[in-house]
Amino acid sequence: GKPLGYEFFREKKFDGKRLLFLVYEEHKIVFLITITDKKAQQHEIDLIKTQLDVYKETVNKIAKDL
């Protein structure tokens, strides 16, 4: 997908929708955050960017349990 401000924060368009996801290469995890449409896209991107530390902590916990 296309990077959204950070190399690990990406978007993939399909069928009029957008998948917003984070790629954690150190854990080999792709973390799907949301599926949105064009109208709500910027709001969702801004919200995700404010929560990046929360997502990273969650992924670290998941990776630890694997």
C-alpha atoms as a PDB file:
ATOM      1  CA  GLY A   1       0.000   0.000   0.000  1.00  0.00           C
ATOM      2  CA  LYS A   2       0.831   3.696  -0.179  1.00  0.00           C
ATOM      3  CA  PRO A   3       2.686   5.192   2.855  1.00  0.00           C
ATOM      4  CA  LEU A   4       0.732   7.788   4.875  1.00  0.00           C
ATOM      5  CA  GLY A   5       3.299  10.031   6.533  1.00  0.00           C
ATOM      6  CA  TYR A   6       5.284   7.124   7.986  1.00  0.00           C
ATOM      7  CA  GLU A   7       6.846   4.208   6.125  1.00  0.00           C
ATOM      8  CA  PHE A   8       4.992   1.732   8.388  1.00  0.00           C
ATOM      9  CA  PHE A   9       1.546   3.430   8.144  1.00  0.00           C
ATOM     10  CA  ARG A  10      -0.114   2.497   4.867  1.00  0.00           C
ATOM     11  CA  GLU A  11      -3.309   2.532   2.870  1.00  0.00           C
ATOM     12  CA  LYS A  12      -4.580   0.118   0.237  1.00  0.00           C
ATOM     13  CA  LYS A  13      -7.537   1.087  -1.960  1.00  0.00           C
ATOM     14  CA  PHE A  14     -10.035  -1.498  -3.116  1.00  0.00           C
ATOM     15  CA  ASP A  15     -13.572  -1.306  -4.481  1.00  0.00           C
ATOM     16  CA  GLY A  16     -14.066   2.331  -3.385  1.00  0.00           C
ATOM     17  CA  LYS A  17     -12.875   1.660   0.175  1.00  0.00           C
ATOM     18  CA  ARG A  18      -9.524   2.173   1.893  1.00  0.00           C
ATOM     19  CA  LEU A  19      -7.767  -0.227   4.241  1.00  0.00           C
ATOM     20  CA  LEU A  20      -5.629   1.613   6.781  1.00  0.00           C
ATOM     21  CA  PHE A  21      -2.976  -0.559   8.383  1.00  0.00           C
ATOM     22  CA  LEU A  22       0.364  -0.567  10.178  1.00  0.00           C
ATOM     23  CA  VAL A  23       3.307  -2.753   9.183  1.00  0.00           C
ATOM     24  CA  TYR A  24       5.614  -3.918  11.981  1.00  0.00           C
ATOM     25  CA  GLU A  25       8.471  -5.601  10.140  1.00  0.00           C
ATOM     26  CA  GLU A  26      10.400  -6.425  13.323  1.00  0.00           C
ATOM     27  CA  HIS A  27       7.498  -8.695  14.357  1.00  0.00           C
ATOM     28  CA  LYS A  28       6.391  -9.578  10.815  1.00  0.00           C
ATOM     29  CA  ILE A  29       2.888  -8.308  11.664  1.00  0.00           C
ATOM     30  CA  VAL A  30       0.429  -6.305   9.575  1.00  0.00           C
ATOM     31  CA  PHE A  31      -2.079  -4.682  11.928  1.00  0.00           C
ATOM     32  CA  LEU A  32      -5.359  -3.705  10.223  1.00  0.00           C
ATOM     33  CA  ILE A  33      -6.759  -0.612  11.901  1.00  0.00           C
ATOM     34  CA  THR A  34      -9.879   0.262   9.894  1.00  0.00           C
ATOM     35  CA  ILE A  35     -11.682   0.214   6.580  1.00  0.00           C
ATOM     36  CA  THR A  36     -12.984   3.630   5.569  1.00  0.00           C
ATOM     37  CA  ASP A  37     -14.319   5.554   2.610  1.00  0.00           C
ATOM     38  CA  LYS A  38     -12.875   8.675   1.019  1.00  0.00           C
ATOM     39  CA  LYS A  39     -15.187  10.979   2.981  1.00  0.00           C
ATOM     40  CA  ALA A  40     -13.914   9.870   6.419  1.00  0.00           C
ATOM     41  CA  GLN A  41     -10.366   9.045   5.327  1.00  0.00           C
ATOM     42  CA  GLN A  42      -8.519  12.115   6.646  1.00  0.00           C
ATOM     43  CA  HIS A  43     -10.293  12.012   9.997  1.00  0.00           C
ATOM     44  CA  GLU A  44      -9.350   8.350  10.427  1.00  0.00           C
ATOM     45  CA  ILE A  45      -5.717   8.984   9.397  1.00  0.00           C
ATOM     46  CA  ASP A  46      -5.403  11.830  11.909  1.00  0.00           C
ATOM     47  CA  LEU A  47      -6.950   9.709  14.672  1.00  0.00           C
ATOM     48  CA  ILE A  48      -4.642   6.762  13.967  1.00  0.00           C
ATOM     49  CA  LYS A  49      -1.571   9.017  14.027  1.00  0.00           C
ATOM     50  CA  THR A  50      -2.494  10.173  17.544  1.00  0.00           C
ATOM     51  CA  GLN A  51      -2.709   6.544  18.726  1.00  0.00           C
ATOM     52  CA  LEU A  52       0.471   5.078  17.173  1.00  0.00           C
ATOM     53  CA  ASP A  53       2.030   4.394  20.583  1.00  0.00           C
ATOM     54  CA  VAL A  54      -1.068   2.467  21.695  1.00  0.00           C
ATOM     55  CA  TYR A  55      -1.009   0.321  18.551  1.00  0.00           C
ATOM     56  CA  LYS A  56       2.711  -0.377  18.941  1.00  0.00           C
ATOM     57  CA  GLU A  57       2.222  -1.446  22.558  1.00  0.00           C
ATOM     58  CA  THR A  58      -0.638  -3.734  21.501  1.00  0.00           C
ATOM     59  CA  VAL A  59       1.429  -5.309  18.725  1.00  0.00           C
ATOM     60  CA  ASN A  60       4.361  -5.821  21.094  1.00  0.00           C
ATOM     61  CA  LYS A  61       2.051  -7.685  23.510  1.00  0.00           C
ATOM     62  CA  ILE A  62       0.651  -9.817  20.692  1.00  0.00           C
ATOM     63  CA  ALA A  63       4.136 -10.645  19.382  1.00  0.00           C
ATOM     64  CA  LYS A  64       5.319 -11.571  22.870  1.00  0.00           C
ATOM     65  CA  ASP A  65       2.468 -14.069  23.224  1.00  0.00           C
ATOM     66  CA  LEU A  66       3.197 -15.801  19.901  1.00  0.00           C
END
